[in-house]
PDB file of N, CA and C in Angstrom:
ATOM      1  N   MET A   1     173.874 135.813 171.947  1.00  0.00           N
ATOM      2  CA  MET A   1     174.153 135.034 170.797  1.00  0.00           C
ATOM      3  C   MET A   1     173.523 133.549 171.009  1.00  0.00           C
ATOM      4  N   SER A   2     172.860 133.100 169.980  1.00  0.00           N
ATOM      5  CA  SER A   2     172.251 131.784 170.108  1.00  0.00           C
ATOM      6  C   SER A   2     173.272 130.684 170.004  1.00  0.00           C
ATOM      7  N   ARG A   3     173.011 129.653 170.704  1.00  0.00           N
ATOM      8  CA  ARG A   3     173.844 128.337 170.575  1.00  0.00           C
ATOM      9  C   ARG A   3     172.960 127.316 169.943  1.00  0.00           C
ATOM     10  N   TYR A   4     173.551 126.455 169.182  1.00  0.00           N
ATOM     11  CA  TYR A   4     172.850 125.463 168.404  1.00  0.00           C
ATOM     12  C   TYR A   4     173.270 124.050 168.786  1.00  0.00           C
ATOM     13  N   ARG A   5     172.453 123.086 168.727  1.00  0.00           N
ATOM     14  CA  ARG A   5     172.864 121.699 168.953  1.00  0.00           C
ATOM     15  C   ARG A   5     171.927 120.738 168.120  1.00  0.00           C
ATOM     16  N   GLN A   6     172.356 119.578 167.912  1.00  0.00           N
ATOM     17  CA  GLN A   6     171.497 118.595 167.200  1.00  0.00           C
ATOM     18  C   GLN A   6     170.227 118.383 167.975  1.00  0.00           C
ATOM     19  N   ASN A   7     169.152 118.185 167.246  1.00  0.00           N
ATOM     20  CA  ASN A   7     167.850 117.696 167.882  1.00  0.00           C
ATOM     21  C   ASN A   7     168.175 116.274 168.256  1.00  0.00           C
ATOM     22  N   PRO A   8     168.017 115.859 169.501  1.00  0.00           N
ATOM     23  CA  PRO A   8     168.405 114.530 169.945  1.00  0.00           C
ATOM     24  C   PRO A   8     167.479 113.432 169.314  1.00  0.00           C
ATOM     25  N   THR A   9     166.324 113.787 168.737  1.00  0.00           N
ATOM     26  CA  THR A   9     165.460 112.839 168.204  1.00  0.00           C
ATOM     27  C   THR A   9     165.827 112.417 166.766  1.00  0.00           C
ATOM     28  N   ILE A  10     166.792 113.120 166.196  1.00  0.00           N
ATOM     29  CA  ILE A  10     167.209 112.863 164.737  1.00  0.00           C
ATOM     30  C   ILE A  10     168.212 111.741 164.766  1.00  0.00           C
ATOM     31  N   ALA A  11     167.946 110.717 163.980  1.00  0.00           N
ATOM     32  CA  ALA A  11     168.897 109.618 163.737  1.00  0.00           C
ATOM     33  C   ALA A  11     169.842 110.074 162.594  1.00  0.00           C
ATOM     34  N   TRP A  12     171.110 109.574 162.717  1.00  0.00           N
ATOM     35  CA  TRP A  12     172.001 109.910 161.591  1.00  0.00           C
ATOM     36  C   TRP A  12     173.106 108.944 161.520  1.00  0.00           C
ATOM     37  N   ARG A  13     173.737 108.866 160.342  1.00  0.00           N
ATOM     38  CA  ARG A  13     174.856 107.977 160.056  1.00  0.00           C
ATOM     39  C   ARG A  13     175.794 108.730 159.071  1.00  0.00           C
ATOM     40  N   GLN A  14     177.017 108.465 159.260  1.00  0.00           N
ATOM     41  CA  GLN A  14     178.077 108.949 158.270  1.00  0.00           C
ATOM     42  C   GLN A  14     178.235 107.775 157.247  1.00  0.00           C
ATOM     43  N   ILE A  15     178.088 108.155 155.928  1.00  0.00           N
ATOM     44  CA  ILE A  15     178.319 107.213 154.859  1.00  0.00           C
ATOM     45  C   ILE A  15     179.285 107.788 153.893  1.00  0.00           C
ATOM     46  N   ASP A  16     180.446 107.285 153.862  1.00  0.00           N
ATOM     47  CA  ASP A  16     181.512 107.872 152.994  1.00  0.00           C
ATOM     48  C   ASP A  16     181.727 109.368 153.413  1.00  0.00           C
ATOM     49  N   ASP A  17     181.525 110.225 152.458  1.00  0.00           N
ATOM     50  CA  ASP A  17     181.736 111.662 152.829  1.00  0.00           C
ATOM     51  C   ASP A  17     180.436 112.430 152.956  1.00  0.00           C
ATOM     52  N   GLN A  18     179.367 111.666 153.260  1.00  0.00           N
ATOM     53  CA  GLN A  18     178.019 112.338 153.429  1.00  0.00           C
ATOM     54  C   GLN A  18     177.476 111.919 154.812  1.00  0.00           C
ATOM     55  N   SER A  19     176.712 112.811 155.403  1.00  0.00           N
ATOM     56  CA  SER A  19     175.932 112.523 156.590  1.00  0.00           C
ATOM     57  C   SER A  19     174.492 112.356 156.189  1.00  0.00           C
ATOM     58  N   VAL A  20     173.901 111.304 156.680  1.00  0.00           N
ATOM     59  CA  VAL A  20     172.458 111.037 156.352  1.00  0.00           C
ATOM     60  C   VAL A  20     171.661 111.193 157.618  1.00  0.00           C
ATOM     61  N   LEU A  21     170.743 112.139 157.665  1.00  0.00           N
ATOM     62  CA  LEU A  21     169.932 112.378 158.799  1.00  0.00           C
ATOM     63  C   LEU A  21     168.541 111.947 158.479  1.00  0.00           C
ATOM     64  N   ILE A  22     167.809 111.347 159.553  1.00  0.00           N
ATOM     65  CA  ILE A  22     166.489 110.891 159.340  1.00  0.00           C
ATOM     66  C   ILE A  22     165.603 111.414 160.462  1.00  0.00           C
ATOM     67  N   ASP A  23     164.572 112.063 160.099  1.00  0.00           N
ATOM     68  CA  ASP A  23     163.574 112.495 161.089  1.00  0.00           C
ATOM     69  C   ASP A  23     162.578 111.367 161.266  1.00  0.00           C
ATOM     70  N   PRO A  24     162.639 110.717 162.526  1.00  0.00           N
ATOM     71  CA  PRO A  24     161.780 109.584 162.676  1.00  0.00           C
ATOM     72  C   PRO A  24     160.330 109.883 162.748  1.00  0.00           C
ATOM     73  N   VAL A  25     159.984 111.121 162.961  1.00  0.00           N
ATOM     74  CA  VAL A  25     158.584 111.503 163.038  1.00  0.00           C
ATOM     75  C   VAL A  25     157.955 111.624 161.697  1.00  0.00           C
ATOM     76  N   SER A  26     158.616 112.309 160.742  1.00  0.00           N
ATOM     77  CA  SER A  26     158.102 112.527 159.448  1.00  0.00           C
ATOM     78  C   SER A  26     158.702 111.560 158.413  1.00  0.00           C
ATOM     79  N   GLY A  27     159.793 110.799 158.775  1.00  0.00           N
ATOM     80  CA  GLY A  27     160.353 109.824 157.895  1.00  0.00           C
ATOM     81  C   GLY A  27     161.205 110.500 156.790  1.00  0.00           C
ATOM     82  N   VAL A  28     161.366 111.823 156.875  1.00  0.00           N
ATOM     83  CA  VAL A  28     162.152 112.502 155.768  1.00  0.00           C
ATOM     84  C   VAL A  28     163.589 112.264 156.023  1.00  0.00           C
ATOM     85  N   VAL A  29     164.287 112.056 154.949  1.00  0.00           N
ATOM     86  CA  VAL A  29     165.764 111.827 154.937  1.00  0.00           C
ATOM     87  C   VAL A  29     166.462 113.008 154.359  1.00  0.00           C
ATOM     88  N   PHE A  30     167.476 113.437 155.059  1.00  0.00           N
ATOM     89  CA  PHE A  30     168.320 114.619 154.600  1.00  0.00           C
ATOM     90  C   PHE A  30     169.724 114.099 154.386  1.00  0.00           C
ATOM     91  N   VAL A  31     170.360 114.540 153.282  1.00  0.00           N
ATOM     92  CA  VAL A  31     171.729 114.128 153.002  1.00  0.00           C
ATOM     93  C   VAL A  31     172.608 115.385 153.050  1.00  0.00           C
ATOM     94  N   LEU A  32     173.577 115.442 153.893  1.00  0.00           N
ATOM     95  CA  LEU A  32     174.494 116.564 153.976  1.00  0.00           C
ATOM     96  C   LEU A  32     175.840 116.244 153.293  1.00  0.00           C
ATOM     97  N   ASN A  33     176.379 117.244 152.638  1.00  0.00           N
ATOM     98  CA  ASN A  33     177.734 117.119 152.047  1.00  0.00           C
ATOM     99  C   ASN A  33     178.752 116.996 153.225  1.00  0.00           C
ATOM    100  N   GLU A  34     180.017 116.964 152.811  1.00  0.00           N
ATOM    101  CA  GLU A  34     181.098 116.744 153.792  1.00  0.00           C
ATOM    102  C   GLU A  34     181.165 117.990 154.791  1.00  0.00           C
ATOM    103  N   LEU A  35     181.048 119.235 154.248  1.00  0.00           N
ATOM    104  CA  LEU A  35     181.146 120.380 155.129  1.00  0.00           C
ATOM    105  C   LEU A  35     179.790 120.372 156.133  1.00  0.00           C
ATOM    106  N   GLY A  36     178.666 120.084 155.563  1.00  0.00           N
ATOM    107  CA  GLY A  36     177.440 120.122 156.315  1.00  0.00           C
ATOM    108  C   GLY A  36     177.602 118.978 157.440  1.00  0.00           C
ATOM    109  N   GLY A  37     178.132 117.864 157.029  1.00  0.00           N
ATOM    110  CA  GLY A  37     178.313 116.791 157.959  1.00  0.00           C
ATOM    111  C   GLY A  37     179.242 117.189 159.042  1.00  0.00           C
ATOM    112  N   GLN A  38     180.361 117.882 158.696  1.00  0.00           N
ATOM    113  CA  GLN A  38     181.274 118.339 159.722  1.00  0.00           C
ATOM    114  C   GLN A  38     180.623 119.348 160.782  1.00  0.00           C
ATOM    115  N   VAL A  39     179.790 120.222 160.267  1.00  0.00           N
ATOM    116  CA  VAL A  39     179.090 121.145 161.107  1.00  0.00           C
ATOM    117  C   VAL A  39     178.085 120.355 162.003  1.00  0.00           C
ATOM    118  N   TRP A  40     177.415 119.407 161.410  1.00  0.00           N
ATOM    119  CA  TRP A  40     176.436 118.557 162.056  1.00  0.00           C
ATOM    120  C   TRP A  40     177.092 117.843 163.251  1.00  0.00           C
ATOM    121  N   GLU A  41     178.240 117.250 163.032  1.00  0.00           N
ATOM    122  CA  GLU A  41     178.921 116.561 164.079  1.00  0.00           C
ATOM    123  C   GLU A  41     179.383 117.486 165.230  1.00  0.00           C
ATOM    124  N   LEU A  42     179.785 118.676 164.877  1.00  0.00           N
ATOM    125  CA  LEU A  42     180.146 119.677 165.913  1.00  0.00           C
ATOM    126  C   LEU A  42     178.992 120.124 166.696  1.00  0.00           C
ATOM    127  N   LEU A  43     177.759 119.931 166.185  1.00  0.00           N
ATOM    128  CA  LEU A  43     176.542 120.342 166.932  1.00  0.00           C
ATOM    129  C   LEU A  43     176.149 119.330 167.949  1.00  0.00           C
ATOM    130  N   GLU A  44     176.915 118.278 168.123  1.00  0.00           N
ATOM    131  CA  GLU A  44     176.673 117.276 169.177  1.00  0.00           C
ATOM    132  C   GLU A  44     176.632 117.929 170.517  1.00  0.00           C
ATOM    133  N   HIS A  45     177.538 119.016 170.609  1.00  0.00           N
ATOM    134  CA  HIS A  45     177.590 119.875 171.861  1.00  0.00           C
ATOM    135  C   HIS A  45     177.152 121.268 171.316  1.00  0.00           C
ATOM    136  N   ALA A  46     176.408 122.017 172.212  1.00  0.00           N
ATOM    137  CA  ALA A  46     175.915 123.311 171.815  1.00  0.00           C
ATOM    138  C   ALA A  46     177.087 124.246 171.517  1.00  0.00           C
ATOM    139  N   ARG A  47     176.939 124.942 170.355  1.00  0.00           N
ATOM    140  CA  ARG A  47     177.976 125.891 169.947  1.00  0.00           C
ATOM    141  C   ARG A  47     177.299 127.047 169.251  1.00  0.00           C
ATOM    142  N   ASP A  48     177.893 128.182 169.328  1.00  0.00           N
ATOM    143  CA  ASP A  48     177.447 129.358 168.668  1.00  0.00           C
ATOM    144  C   ASP A  48     178.109 129.439 167.246  1.00  0.00           C
ATOM    145  N   THR A  49     177.664 130.297 166.452  1.00  0.00           N
ATOM    146  CA  THR A  49     178.171 130.416 165.061  1.00  0.00           C
ATOM    147  C   THR A  49     179.639 130.702 165.019  1.00  0.00           C
ATOM    148  N   HIS A  50     180.107 131.600 165.886  1.00  0.00           N
ATOM    149  CA  HIS A  50     181.527 131.982 165.968  1.00  0.00           C
ATOM    150  C   HIS A  50     182.394 130.736 166.288  1.00  0.00           C
ATOM    151  N   GLU A  51     181.970 129.864 167.235  1.00  0.00           N
ATOM    152  CA  GLU A  51     182.676 128.731 167.553  1.00  0.00           C
ATOM    153  C   GLU A  51     182.718 127.707 166.399  1.00  0.00           C
ATOM    154  N   LEU A  52     181.611 127.596 165.701  1.00  0.00           N
ATOM    155  CA  LEU A  52     181.515 126.673 164.497  1.00  0.00           C
ATOM    156  C   LEU A  52     182.478 127.102 163.455  1.00  0.00           C
ATOM    157  N   VAL A  53     182.418 128.399 163.143  1.00  0.00           N
ATOM    158  CA  VAL A  53     183.314 128.971 162.096  1.00  0.00           C
ATOM    159  C   VAL A  53     184.827 128.720 162.433  1.00  0.00           C
ATOM    160  N   ASN A  54     185.152 129.007 163.733  1.00  0.00           N
ATOM    161  CA  ASN A  54     186.524 128.821 164.120  1.00  0.00           C
ATOM    162  C   ASN A  54     186.936 127.369 163.958  1.00  0.00           C
ATOM    163  N   GLU A  55     186.063 126.427 164.451  1.00  0.00           N
ATOM    164  CA  GLU A  55     186.490 125.012 164.368  1.00  0.00           C
ATOM    165  C   GLU A  55     186.618 124.509 162.978  1.00  0.00           C
ATOM    166  N   VAL A  56     185.675 125.001 162.024  1.00  0.00           N
ATOM    167  CA  VAL A  56     185.730 124.561 160.704  1.00  0.00           C
ATOM    168  C   VAL A  56     186.965 125.154 159.987  1.00  0.00           C
ATOM    169  N   ARG A  57     187.279 126.413 160.317  1.00  0.00           N
ATOM    170  CA  ARG A  57     188.465 127.022 159.697  1.00  0.00           C
ATOM    171  C   ARG A  57     189.757 126.370 160.203  1.00  0.00           C
ATOM    172  N   ASN A  58     189.801 125.885 161.367  1.00  0.00           N
ATOM    173  CA  ASN A  58     190.924 125.142 161.867  1.00  0.00           C
ATOM    174  C   ASN A  58     191.123 123.846 161.162  1.00  0.00           C
ATOM    175  N   ALA A  59     190.023 123.209 160.828  1.00  0.00           N
ATOM    176  CA  ALA A  59     190.119 121.835 160.087  1.00  0.00           C
ATOM    177  C   ALA A  59     190.279 122.166 158.562  1.00  0.00           C
ATOM    178  N   ARG A  60     189.801 123.254 158.077  1.00  0.00           N
ATOM    179  CA  ARG A  60     189.827 123.511 156.665  1.00  0.00           C
ATOM    180  C   ARG A  60     190.347 125.016 156.368  1.00  0.00           C
ATOM    181  N   PRO A  61     191.620 125.133 156.407  1.00  0.00           N
ATOM    182  CA  PRO A  61     192.228 126.478 156.258  1.00  0.00           C
ATOM    183  C   PRO A  61     191.762 127.192 154.926  1.00  0.00           C
ATOM    184  N   ALA A  62     191.454 126.362 154.013  1.00  0.00           N
ATOM    185  CA  ALA A  62     191.112 127.036 152.599  1.00  0.00           C
ATOM    186  C   ALA A  62     189.568 127.239 152.562  1.00  0.00           C
ATOM    187  N   ALA A  63     188.879 127.220 153.716  1.00  0.00           N
ATOM    188  CA  ALA A  63     187.448 127.476 153.628  1.00  0.00           C
ATOM    189  C   ALA A  63     187.144 128.759 153.035  1.00  0.00           C
ATOM    190  N   PRO A  64     186.076 128.952 152.319  1.00  0.00           N
ATOM    191  CA  PRO A  64     185.704 130.201 151.682  1.00  0.00           C
ATOM    192  C   PRO A  64     185.547 131.351 152.684  1.00  0.00           C
ATOM    193  N   VAL A  65     185.742 132.586 152.145  1.00  0.00           N
ATOM    194  CA  VAL A  65     185.568 133.750 152.947  1.00  0.00           C
ATOM    195  C   VAL A  65     184.111 133.823 153.457  1.00  0.00           C
ATOM    196  N   SER A  66     183.151 133.262 152.742  1.00  0.00           N
ATOM    197  CA  SER A  66     181.743 133.378 153.060  1.00  0.00           C
ATOM    198  C   SER A  66     181.322 132.250 154.069  1.00  0.00           C
ATOM    199  N   LEU A  67     182.303 131.606 154.670  1.00  0.00           N
ATOM    200  CA  LEU A  67     181.998 130.508 155.585  1.00  0.00           C
ATOM    201  C   LEU A  67     180.999 130.889 156.703  1.00  0.00           C
ATOM    202  N   GLY A  68     181.188 132.006 157.247  1.00  0.00           N
ATOM    203  CA  GLY A  68     180.226 132.494 158.370  1.00  0.00           C
ATOM    204  C   GLY A  68     178.861 132.625 157.903  1.00  0.00           C
ATOM    205  N   ASP A  69     178.661 133.182 156.738  1.00  0.00           N
ATOM    206  CA  ASP A  69     177.323 133.374 156.163  1.00  0.00           C
ATOM    207  C   ASP A  69     176.765 132.040 155.791  1.00  0.00           C
ATOM    208  N   ASP A  70     177.641 131.144 155.205  1.00  0.00           N
ATOM    209  CA  ASP A  70     177.169 129.865 154.821  1.00  0.00           C
ATOM    210  C   ASP A  70     176.675 129.055 156.027  1.00  0.00           C
ATOM    211  N   ILE A  71     177.450 129.130 157.140  1.00  0.00           N
ATOM    212  CA  ILE A  71     177.093 128.374 158.325  1.00  0.00           C
ATOM    213  C   ILE A  71     175.789 128.970 158.972  1.00  0.00           C
ATOM    214  N   ASP A  72     175.620 130.264 158.880  1.00  0.00           N
ATOM    215  CA  ASP A  72     174.405 130.847 159.408  1.00  0.00           C
ATOM    216  C   ASP A  72     173.198 130.363 158.578  1.00  0.00           C
ATOM    217  N   ARG A  73     173.308 130.368 157.278  1.00  0.00           N
ATOM    218  CA  ARG A  73     172.182 129.885 156.430  1.00  0.00           C
ATOM    219  C   ARG A  73     171.874 128.414 156.736  1.00  0.00           C
ATOM    220  N   PHE A  74     172.955 127.631 156.905  1.00  0.00           N
ATOM    221  CA  PHE A  74     172.769 126.181 157.208  1.00  0.00           C
ATOM    222  C   PHE A  74     172.109 126.006 158.507  1.00  0.00           C
ATOM    223  N   LEU A  75     172.528 126.729 159.550  1.00  0.00           N
ATOM    224  CA  LEU A  75     171.858 126.663 160.845  1.00  0.00           C
ATOM    225  C   LEU A  75     170.436 127.018 160.814  1.00  0.00           C
ATOM    226  N   THR A  76     170.114 128.071 160.046  1.00  0.00           N
ATOM    227  CA  THR A  76     168.715 128.456 159.906  1.00  0.00           C
ATOM    228  C   THR A  76     167.874 127.332 159.290  1.00  0.00           C
ATOM    229  N   ALA A  77     168.473 126.731 158.300  1.00  0.00           N
ATOM    230  CA  ALA A  77     167.734 125.557 157.541  1.00  0.00           C
ATOM    231  C   ALA A  77     167.600 124.378 158.563  1.00  0.00           C
ATOM    232  N   LEU A  78     168.627 124.103 159.297  1.00  0.00           N
ATOM    233  CA  LEU A  78     168.494 123.014 160.243  1.00  0.00           C
ATOM    234  C   LEU A  78     167.338 123.264 161.300  1.00  0.00           C
ATOM    235  N   VAL A  79     167.349 124.436 161.812  1.00  0.00           N
ATOM    236  CA  VAL A  79     166.240 124.831 162.869  1.00  0.00           C
ATOM    237  C   VAL A  79     164.906 124.844 162.224  1.00  0.00           C
ATOM    238  N   GLU A  80     164.795 125.404 161.039  1.00  0.00           N
ATOM    239  CA  GLU A  80     163.460 125.431 160.358  1.00  0.00           C
ATOM    240  C   GLU A  80     162.937 123.975 160.101  1.00  0.00           C
ATOM    241  N   ARG A  81     163.780 123.094 159.841  1.00  0.00           N
ATOM    242  CA  ARG A  81     163.429 121.724 159.654  1.00  0.00           C
ATOM    243  C   ARG A  81     163.359 120.841 160.889  1.00  0.00           C
ATOM    244  N   GLU A  82     163.651 121.562 162.004  1.00  0.00           N
ATOM    245  CA  GLU A  82     163.631 120.925 163.307  1.00  0.00           C
ATOM    246  C   GLU A  82     164.686 119.764 163.456  1.00  0.00           C
ATOM    247  N   LEU A  83     165.846 119.884 162.701  1.00  0.00           N
ATOM    248  CA  LEU A  83     166.932 118.977 162.860  1.00  0.00           C
ATOM    249  C   LEU A  83     167.842 119.459 163.910  1.00  0.00           C
ATOM    250  N   ALA A  84     167.840 120.735 164.152  1.00  0.00           N
ATOM    251  CA  ALA A  84     168.692 121.286 165.273  1.00  0.00           C
ATOM    252  C   ALA A  84     167.849 122.272 166.008  1.00  0.00           C
ATOM    253  N   VAL A  85     168.323 122.520 167.261  1.00  0.00           N
ATOM    254  CA  VAL A  85     167.536 123.496 168.163  1.00  0.00           C
ATOM    255  C   VAL A  85     168.522 124.587 168.523  1.00  0.00           C
ATOM    256  N   ALA A  86     167.919 125.778 168.687  1.00  0.00           N
ATOM    257  CA  ALA A  86     168.679 126.976 169.052  1.00  0.00           C
ATOM    258  C   ALA A  86     168.276 127.301 170.561  1.00  0.00           C
ATOM    259  N   THR A  87     169.319 127.553 171.310  1.00  0.00           N
ATOM    260  CA  THR A  87     169.162 127.921 172.719  1.00  0.00           C
ATOM    261  C   THR A  87     169.729 129.245 172.978  1.00  0.00           C
ATOM    262  N   ALA A  88     169.230 129.968 174.017  1.00  0.00           N
ATOM    263  CA  ALA A  88     169.698 131.349 174.273  1.00  0.00           C
ATOM    264  C   ALA A  88     171.008 131.282 175.040  1.00  0.00           C
TER     265      ALA A  88
END
């Protein structure tokens, strides 16, 4: 199972309930909602999808049933945009 972590070259800040990520190479800015920001912060240390889902569910007991699928899609998007890296 893959583990994911933040790409260390990405700069980011928490602003109110959003996380703002900046790719210094391309200059592209990404804005994450509160849930995306929570997952992003958890990726400070490498985690697999199962760990992420458990941690989010612990913090948000009312998280949707689709949380695992949502996190999978989010991780795929982060890796495709080189905001996060996957490790074996």
